[in-house]
Amino acid sequence: MGGGNAQKSAKAAEKNRAKAAATKSPEERKAASAKAAQDAGGITCKVCRQGFMMNSTIVQLQAHLTSKHAKLEPTACFANWAQMVAGEAAAAAAPVAAPVKKKKKKPKQEESLDDLLNAGLSGTKKKKVGRSVGRSVGGRLGR
């Protein structure tokens, strides 16, 4: 029956121990935290101290330059501007995978109106005459 608080606590502690055993080693944690600290800094504008993510593109940084610091040089805002431009140019020059070819659709054969009318007229069906959908008041409607 039970399931008191002590039992719940023991089960939660066991679950947490299993989770901790399956996670990273202290060296892996230290390396991950160092990378997170580096990425957290990201790219920062020297003038207004606005932060940008590490994966920000040159286009996004250029938009910041033109809107906020139009009179300044890009290197005044971003110390490694030349490296970022060179890196993005190298990435753009890298070979790109061949685009996937799409299958061509077959053109639909348009039928003339005469063909459609002839098909409709030749196979006419008679309308069934049957019982009405509703039931009488004395029937099983309310039961």
N, C-alpha and C. Protein backbone atom coordinates (compact mmCIF):
# COMPACT_ATOMS: atom_id res chain seq x y z
N MET A 1 0.82 -1.19 0.00
CA MET A 1 0.00 0.00 0.00
C MET A 1 0.86 1.25 0.00
N GLY A 2 1.65 1.43 0.99
CA GLY A 2 2.43 2.58 1.41
C GLY A 2 2.91 3.52 0.34
N GLY A 3 4.13 3.91 0.50
CA GLY A 3 4.68 4.92 -0.38
C GLY A 3 4.84 6.22 0.36
N GLY A 4 5.35 6.15 1.57
CA GLY A 4 5.52 7.35 2.39
C GLY A 4 6.64 8.23 1.89
N ASN A 5 6.86 9.31 2.62
CA ASN A 5 7.87 10.28 2.22
C ASN A 5 9.28 9.69 2.23
N ALA A 6 9.57 8.82 3.17
CA ALA A 6 10.90 8.21 3.24
C ALA A 6 11.17 7.37 2.00
N GLN A 7 10.16 6.66 1.58
CA GLN A 7 10.31 5.82 0.38
C GLN A 7 10.50 6.69 -0.86
N LYS A 8 9.76 7.75 -0.94
CA LYS A 8 9.90 8.67 -2.09
C LYS A 8 11.27 9.31 -2.11
N SER A 9 11.76 9.71 -0.95
CA SER A 9 13.08 10.34 -0.87
C SER A 9 14.18 9.37 -1.27
N ALA A 10 14.07 8.12 -0.81
CA ALA A 10 15.08 7.11 -1.16
C ALA A 10 15.08 6.85 -2.65
N LYS A 11 13.91 6.77 -3.23
CA LYS A 11 13.81 6.52 -4.67
C LYS A 11 14.39 7.70 -5.46
N ALA A 12 14.12 8.93 -5.04
CA ALA A 12 14.64 10.12 -5.72
C ALA A 12 16.16 10.18 -5.59
N ALA A 13 16.69 9.83 -4.41
CA ALA A 13 18.14 9.84 -4.21
C ALA A 13 18.80 8.80 -5.11
N GLU A 14 18.22 7.63 -5.23
CA GLU A 14 18.76 6.58 -6.09
C GLU A 14 18.75 7.03 -7.56
N LYS A 15 17.69 7.67 -7.93
CA LYS A 15 17.57 8.17 -9.30
C LYS A 15 18.64 9.22 -9.58
N ASN A 16 18.88 10.11 -8.63
CA ASN A 16 19.90 11.15 -8.80
C ASN A 16 21.30 10.56 -8.85
N ARG A 17 21.57 9.52 -8.03
CA ARG A 17 22.88 8.85 -8.07
C ARG A 17 23.12 8.19 -9.42
N ALA A 18 22.08 7.56 -9.97
CA ALA A 18 22.21 6.92 -11.28
C ALA A 18 22.46 7.95 -12.36
N LYS A 19 21.79 9.07 -12.25
CA LYS A 19 21.97 10.13 -13.24
C LYS A 19 23.37 10.72 -13.15
N ALA A 20 23.89 10.92 -11.94
CA ALA A 20 25.23 11.47 -11.75
C ALA A 20 26.30 10.52 -12.27
N ALA A 21 26.08 9.21 -12.11
CA ALA A 21 27.05 8.23 -12.58
C ALA A 21 27.11 8.22 -14.11
N ALA A 22 26.00 8.54 -14.76
CA ALA A 22 25.95 8.50 -16.22
C ALA A 22 26.42 9.80 -16.86
N THR A 23 26.67 10.82 -16.08
CA THR A 23 27.05 12.12 -16.63
C THR A 23 28.55 12.23 -16.80
N LYS A 24 29.03 13.42 -17.03
CA LYS A 24 30.42 13.70 -17.37
C LYS A 24 31.37 13.54 -16.18
N SER A 25 32.62 13.31 -16.53
CA SER A 25 33.66 13.24 -15.50
C SER A 25 34.05 14.68 -15.11
N PRO A 26 34.78 14.86 -14.01
CA PRO A 26 35.18 16.21 -13.60
C PRO A 26 36.01 16.94 -14.66
N GLU A 27 36.86 16.20 -15.38
CA GLU A 27 37.66 16.84 -16.44
C GLU A 27 36.76 17.33 -17.57
N GLU A 28 35.77 16.50 -17.92
CA GLU A 28 34.84 16.89 -18.98
C GLU A 28 34.01 18.09 -18.54
N ARG A 29 33.62 18.11 -17.29
CA ARG A 29 32.85 19.26 -16.78
C ARG A 29 33.68 20.54 -16.83
N LYS A 30 34.97 20.43 -16.45
CA LYS A 30 35.84 21.60 -16.45
C LYS A 30 36.01 22.13 -17.88
N ALA A 31 36.21 21.24 -18.85
CA ALA A 31 36.37 21.65 -20.24
C ALA A 31 35.08 22.28 -20.78
N ALA A 32 33.94 21.70 -20.40
CA ALA A 32 32.66 22.24 -20.86
C ALA A 32 32.41 23.62 -20.26
N SER A 33 32.75 23.81 -18.99
CA SER A 33 32.52 25.11 -18.37
C SER A 33 33.46 26.17 -18.97
N ALA A 34 34.70 25.76 -19.33
CA ALA A 34 35.62 26.72 -19.96
C ALA A 34 35.09 27.14 -21.32
N LYS A 35 34.55 26.19 -22.08
CA LYS A 35 33.99 26.51 -23.39
C LYS A 35 32.76 27.40 -23.24
N ALA A 36 31.93 27.12 -22.24
CA ALA A 36 30.74 27.93 -22.00
C ALA A 36 31.12 29.35 -21.61
N ALA A 37 32.17 29.50 -20.80
CA ALA A 37 32.62 30.83 -20.41
C ALA A 37 33.15 31.60 -21.62
N GLN A 38 33.85 30.89 -22.51
CA GLN A 38 34.36 31.54 -23.72
C GLN A 38 33.22 31.96 -24.63
N ASP A 39 32.23 31.07 -24.79
CA ASP A 39 31.10 31.37 -25.66
C ASP A 39 30.19 32.43 -25.06
N ALA A 40 30.13 32.50 -23.74
CA ALA A 40 29.26 33.47 -23.09
C ALA A 40 29.72 34.89 -23.41
N GLY A 41 31.04 35.06 -23.50
CA GLY A 41 31.55 36.38 -23.87
C GLY A 41 31.15 36.74 -25.28
N GLY A 42 31.20 35.76 -26.16
CA GLY A 42 30.80 35.97 -27.53
C GLY A 42 31.59 37.10 -28.17
N ILE A 43 30.91 37.89 -28.94
CA ILE A 43 31.49 39.05 -29.61
C ILE A 43 30.89 40.29 -28.96
N THR A 44 31.72 41.22 -28.55
CA THR A 44 31.25 42.42 -27.87
C THR A 44 31.73 43.64 -28.62
N CYS A 45 30.83 44.58 -28.82
CA CYS A 45 31.19 45.86 -29.43
C CYS A 45 31.97 46.66 -28.39
N LYS A 46 33.13 47.15 -28.77
CA LYS A 46 33.97 47.90 -27.84
C LYS A 46 33.35 49.24 -27.47
N VAL A 47 32.58 49.82 -28.36
CA VAL A 47 32.04 51.16 -28.14
C VAL A 47 30.84 51.13 -27.20
N CYS A 48 29.83 50.34 -27.55
CA CYS A 48 28.60 50.36 -26.76
C CYS A 48 28.45 49.13 -25.86
N ARG A 49 29.38 48.20 -25.91
CA ARG A 49 29.41 47.01 -25.08
C ARG A 49 28.22 46.08 -25.33
N GLN A 50 27.63 46.15 -26.51
CA GLN A 50 26.54 45.24 -26.85
C GLN A 50 27.14 43.88 -27.19
N GLY A 51 26.53 42.84 -26.68
CA GLY A 51 27.04 41.49 -26.91
C GLY A 51 26.34 40.82 -28.08
N PHE A 52 27.08 39.98 -28.77
CA PHE A 52 26.55 39.19 -29.88
C PHE A 52 26.96 37.75 -29.65
N MET A 53 26.18 36.83 -30.15
CA MET A 53 26.50 35.42 -30.00
C MET A 53 27.70 35.07 -30.88
N MET A 54 28.37 33.98 -30.54
CA MET A 54 29.55 33.55 -31.28
C MET A 54 29.23 33.23 -32.74
N ASN A 55 28.02 32.75 -33.01
CA ASN A 55 27.67 32.38 -34.37
C ASN A 55 27.03 33.53 -35.16
N SER A 56 27.19 34.77 -34.69
CA SER A 56 26.67 35.92 -35.42
C SER A 56 27.41 36.07 -36.74
N THR A 57 26.69 36.46 -37.77
CA THR A 57 27.30 36.59 -39.08
C THR A 57 27.82 38.01 -39.28
N ILE A 58 28.63 38.16 -40.30
CA ILE A 58 29.17 39.47 -40.64
C ILE A 58 28.03 40.42 -41.00
N VAL A 59 27.00 39.90 -41.62
CA VAL A 59 25.85 40.73 -42.01
C VAL A 59 25.19 41.34 -40.76
N GLN A 60 25.03 40.54 -39.72
CA GLN A 60 24.42 41.05 -38.48
C GLN A 60 25.31 42.10 -37.82
N LEU A 61 26.61 41.85 -37.82
CA LEU A 61 27.52 42.82 -37.22
C LEU A 61 27.60 44.09 -38.06
N GLN A 62 27.53 43.93 -39.37
CA GLN A 62 27.54 45.10 -40.26
C GLN A 62 26.28 45.95 -40.04
N ALA A 63 25.16 45.30 -39.80
CA ALA A 63 23.92 46.03 -39.52
C ALA A 63 24.06 46.83 -38.22
N HIS A 64 24.72 46.25 -37.24
CA HIS A 64 24.96 46.97 -35.99
C HIS A 64 25.85 48.19 -36.25
N LEU A 65 26.89 48.00 -37.05
CA LEU A 65 27.80 49.11 -37.36
C LEU A 65 27.08 50.26 -38.05
N THR A 66 26.27 49.92 -39.05
CA THR A 66 25.60 50.99 -39.81
C THR A 66 24.52 51.69 -39.00
N SER A 67 23.85 50.95 -38.13
CA SER A 67 22.76 51.58 -37.38
C SER A 67 23.25 52.34 -36.14
N LYS A 68 24.28 51.84 -35.48
CA LYS A 68 24.72 52.45 -34.23
C LYS A 68 25.97 53.31 -34.38
N HIS A 69 26.92 52.85 -35.18
CA HIS A 69 28.22 53.51 -35.26
C HIS A 69 28.61 53.75 -36.72
N ALA A 70 27.81 54.49 -37.42
CA ALA A 70 28.03 54.68 -38.86
C ALA A 70 29.33 55.42 -39.16
N LYS A 71 29.77 56.28 -38.26
CA LYS A 71 30.96 57.09 -38.53
C LYS A 71 32.26 56.39 -38.13
N LEU A 72 32.17 55.26 -37.45
CA LEU A 72 33.37 54.57 -36.97
C LEU A 72 33.80 53.46 -37.93
N GLU A 73 35.06 53.11 -37.82
CA GLU A 73 35.59 51.98 -38.58
C GLU A 73 35.14 50.68 -37.92
N PRO A 74 34.99 49.59 -38.68
CA PRO A 74 34.59 48.32 -38.07
C PRO A 74 35.58 47.82 -37.02
N THR A 75 36.87 48.09 -37.23
CA THR A 75 37.87 47.63 -36.26
C THR A 75 37.79 48.40 -34.94
N ALA A 76 37.16 49.58 -34.95
CA ALA A 76 36.97 50.32 -33.70
C ALA A 76 35.94 49.63 -32.81
N CYS A 77 35.02 48.92 -33.41
CA CYS A 77 33.99 48.22 -32.64
C CYS A 77 34.38 46.78 -32.34
N PHE A 78 34.91 46.10 -33.32
CA PHE A 78 35.23 44.68 -33.20
C PHE A 78 36.71 44.49 -33.49
N ALA A 79 37.47 44.05 -32.49
CA ALA A 79 38.92 43.94 -32.62
C ALA A 79 39.33 42.94 -33.70
N ASN A 80 38.63 41.85 -33.81
CA ASN A 80 39.02 40.82 -34.78
C ASN A 80 38.13 40.85 -36.03
N TRP A 81 37.80 42.03 -36.48
CA TRP A 81 36.94 42.20 -37.65
C TRP A 81 37.55 41.56 -38.89
N ALA A 82 38.82 41.77 -39.12
CA ALA A 82 39.47 41.22 -40.32
C ALA A 82 39.44 39.70 -40.30
N GLN A 83 39.66 39.10 -39.13
CA GLN A 83 39.62 37.64 -39.03
C GLN A 83 38.21 37.11 -39.29
N MET A 84 37.19 37.81 -38.78
CA MET A 84 35.82 37.37 -39.01
C MET A 84 35.45 37.44 -40.48
N VAL A 85 35.86 38.52 -41.16
CA VAL A 85 35.56 38.67 -42.57
C VAL A 85 36.28 37.58 -43.37
N ALA A 86 37.54 37.33 -43.03
CA ALA A 86 38.30 36.29 -43.74
C ALA A 86 37.70 34.91 -43.48
N GLY A 87 37.28 34.65 -42.26
CA GLY A 87 36.67 33.36 -41.93
C GLY A 87 35.36 33.15 -42.65
N GLU A 88 34.57 34.18 -42.76
CA GLU A 88 33.29 34.05 -43.46
C GLU A 88 33.51 33.90 -44.95
N ALA A 89 34.52 34.59 -45.49
CA ALA A 89 34.82 34.45 -46.91
C ALA A 89 35.31 33.03 -47.21
N ALA A 90 36.11 32.47 -46.32
CA ALA A 90 36.59 31.10 -46.50
C ALA A 90 35.44 30.10 -46.43
N ALA A 91 34.51 30.36 -45.53
CA ALA A 91 33.35 29.47 -45.41
C ALA A 91 32.47 29.56 -46.64
N ALA A 92 32.36 30.75 -47.22
CA ALA A 92 31.55 30.92 -48.42
C ALA A 92 32.21 30.26 -49.63
N ALA A 93 33.55 30.24 -49.64
CA ALA A 93 34.27 29.66 -50.77
C ALA A 93 34.35 28.14 -50.69
N ALA A 94 34.06 27.57 -49.55
CA ALA A 94 34.13 26.12 -49.38
C ALA A 94 33.11 25.46 -50.31
N PRO A 95 33.45 24.29 -50.84
CA PRO A 95 32.52 23.62 -51.75
C PRO A 95 31.24 23.23 -51.02
N VAL A 96 30.16 23.48 -51.69
CA VAL A 96 28.86 23.20 -51.13
C VAL A 96 28.34 21.91 -51.77
N ALA A 97 27.63 21.12 -51.01
CA ALA A 97 27.08 19.87 -51.53
C ALA A 97 26.16 20.16 -52.71
N ALA A 98 26.15 19.26 -53.67
CA ALA A 98 25.31 19.43 -54.85
C ALA A 98 23.85 19.48 -54.44
N PRO A 99 23.09 20.38 -55.03
CA PRO A 99 21.68 20.46 -54.67
C PRO A 99 20.93 19.20 -55.10
N VAL A 100 19.93 18.87 -54.34
CA VAL A 100 19.14 17.69 -54.64
C VAL A 100 18.23 18.01 -55.82
N LYS A 101 18.26 17.11 -56.81
CA LYS A 101 17.42 17.32 -57.98
C LYS A 101 16.00 16.88 -57.67
N LYS A 102 15.07 17.73 -58.03
CA LYS A 102 13.67 17.41 -57.80
C LYS A 102 13.13 16.66 -59.02
N LYS A 103 12.26 15.73 -58.75
CA LYS A 103 11.64 14.99 -59.85
C LYS A 103 10.65 15.90 -60.55
N LYS A 104 10.65 15.79 -61.86
CA LYS A 104 9.70 16.59 -62.62
C LYS A 104 8.34 15.92 -62.59
N LYS A 105 7.34 16.73 -62.40
CA LYS A 105 5.99 16.21 -62.39
C LYS A 105 5.49 16.06 -63.82
N LYS A 106 4.72 15.02 -64.02
CA LYS A 106 4.14 14.82 -65.34
C LYS A 106 3.03 15.85 -65.53
N PRO A 107 2.97 16.44 -66.71
CA PRO A 107 1.90 17.42 -66.93
C PRO A 107 0.54 16.72 -66.91
N LYS A 108 -0.41 17.38 -66.33
CA LYS A 108 -1.75 16.83 -66.26
C LYS A 108 -2.39 16.89 -67.64
N GLN A 109 -3.09 15.82 -67.96
CA GLN A 109 -3.79 15.80 -69.23
C GLN A 109 -5.15 16.45 -69.01
N GLU A 110 -5.36 17.52 -69.69
CA GLU A 110 -6.62 18.22 -69.53
C GLU A 110 -7.66 17.60 -70.46
N GLU A 111 -8.77 17.28 -69.87
CA GLU A 111 -9.85 16.72 -70.67
C GLU A 111 -10.75 17.87 -71.11
N SER A 112 -11.26 17.73 -72.28
CA SER A 112 -12.13 18.79 -72.76
C SER A 112 -13.48 18.69 -72.06
N LEU A 113 -14.23 19.74 -72.11
CA LEU A 113 -15.54 19.75 -71.47
C LEU A 113 -16.49 18.74 -72.12
N ASP A 114 -16.33 18.52 -73.41
CA ASP A 114 -17.18 17.54 -74.09
C ASP A 114 -16.95 16.14 -73.52
N ASP A 115 -15.68 15.78 -73.29
CA ASP A 115 -15.37 14.47 -72.73
C ASP A 115 -15.99 14.33 -71.34
N LEU A 116 -15.90 15.38 -70.54
CA LEU A 116 -16.46 15.33 -69.21
C LEU A 116 -17.98 15.20 -69.24
N LEU A 117 -18.61 15.96 -70.13
CA LEU A 117 -20.07 15.89 -70.23
C LEU A 117 -20.52 14.53 -70.72
N ASN A 118 -19.83 13.98 -71.71
CA ASN A 118 -20.20 12.66 -72.24
C ASN A 118 -20.04 11.59 -71.17
N ALA A 119 -18.99 11.68 -70.38
CA ALA A 119 -18.78 10.69 -69.32
C ALA A 119 -19.87 10.81 -68.27
N GLY A 120 -20.29 12.01 -67.98
CA GLY A 120 -21.32 12.22 -66.97
C GLY A 120 -22.70 11.82 -67.46
N LEU A 121 -22.98 12.01 -68.74
CA LEU A 121 -24.31 11.72 -69.26
C LEU A 121 -24.50 10.23 -69.51
N SER A 122 -23.44 9.52 -69.85
CA SER A 122 -23.60 8.12 -70.21
C SER A 122 -23.88 7.25 -68.99
N GLY A 123 -23.38 7.61 -67.85
CA GLY A 123 -23.54 6.76 -66.68
C GLY A 123 -24.46 7.37 -65.64
N THR A 124 -25.62 7.85 -66.05
CA THR A 124 -26.52 8.47 -65.07
C THR A 124 -27.15 7.42 -64.20
N LYS A 125 -27.28 7.71 -62.95
CA LYS A 125 -27.90 6.81 -62.00
C LYS A 125 -29.23 7.40 -61.55
N LYS A 126 -30.16 6.50 -61.28
CA LYS A 126 -31.45 6.96 -60.80
C LYS A 126 -31.35 7.20 -59.30
N LYS A 127 -32.03 8.21 -58.85
CA LYS A 127 -32.02 8.54 -57.44
C LYS A 127 -32.89 7.56 -56.68
N LYS A 128 -32.39 7.03 -55.58
CA LYS A 128 -33.16 6.08 -54.79
C LYS A 128 -34.24 6.81 -54.02
N VAL A 129 -35.38 6.19 -53.99
CA VAL A 129 -36.47 6.74 -53.20
C VAL A 129 -36.60 5.83 -52.00
N GLY A 130 -36.41 6.38 -50.83
CA GLY A 130 -36.43 5.54 -49.64
C GLY A 130 -37.14 6.22 -48.51
N ARG A 131 -36.95 5.64 -47.35
CA ARG A 131 -37.59 6.17 -46.17
C ARG A 131 -36.97 7.51 -45.78
N SER A 132 -37.75 8.29 -45.10
CA SER A 132 -37.23 9.58 -44.66
C SER A 132 -36.28 9.36 -43.49
N VAL A 133 -35.40 10.29 -43.29
CA VAL A 133 -34.38 10.16 -42.27
C VAL A 133 -34.97 10.28 -40.87
N GLY A 134 -35.88 11.19 -40.67
CA GLY A 134 -36.46 11.40 -39.36
C GLY A 134 -37.40 10.28 -38.98
N ARG A 135 -37.67 10.16 -37.70
CA ARG A 135 -38.57 9.11 -37.22
C ARG A 135 -39.82 9.76 -36.66
N SER A 136 -40.82 8.95 -36.54
CA SER A 136 -42.07 9.48 -36.02
C SER A 136 -41.94 9.77 -34.54
N VAL A 137 -42.86 10.51 -34.02
CA VAL A 137 -42.83 10.92 -32.62
C VAL A 137 -42.98 9.72 -31.70
N GLY A 138 -43.73 8.73 -32.10
CA GLY A 138 -43.97 7.57 -31.25
C GLY A 138 -42.84 6.56 -31.33
N GLY A 139 -41.86 6.78 -32.18
CA GLY A 139 -40.78 5.80 -32.36
C GLY A 139 -39.77 5.84 -31.23
N ARG A 140 -38.58 5.36 -31.48
CA ARG A 140 -37.56 5.25 -30.46
C ARG A 140 -36.65 6.48 -30.40
N LEU A 141 -37.16 7.58 -30.74
CA LEU A 141 -36.34 8.78 -30.81
C LEU A 141 -35.85 9.22 -29.42
N GLY A 142 -36.69 9.20 -28.45
CA GLY A 142 -36.33 9.74 -27.14
C GLY A 142 -35.80 8.71 -26.19
N ARG A 143 -35.76 7.47 -26.53
CA ARG A 143 -35.34 6.44 -25.58
C ARG A 143 -33.89 6.22 -25.55
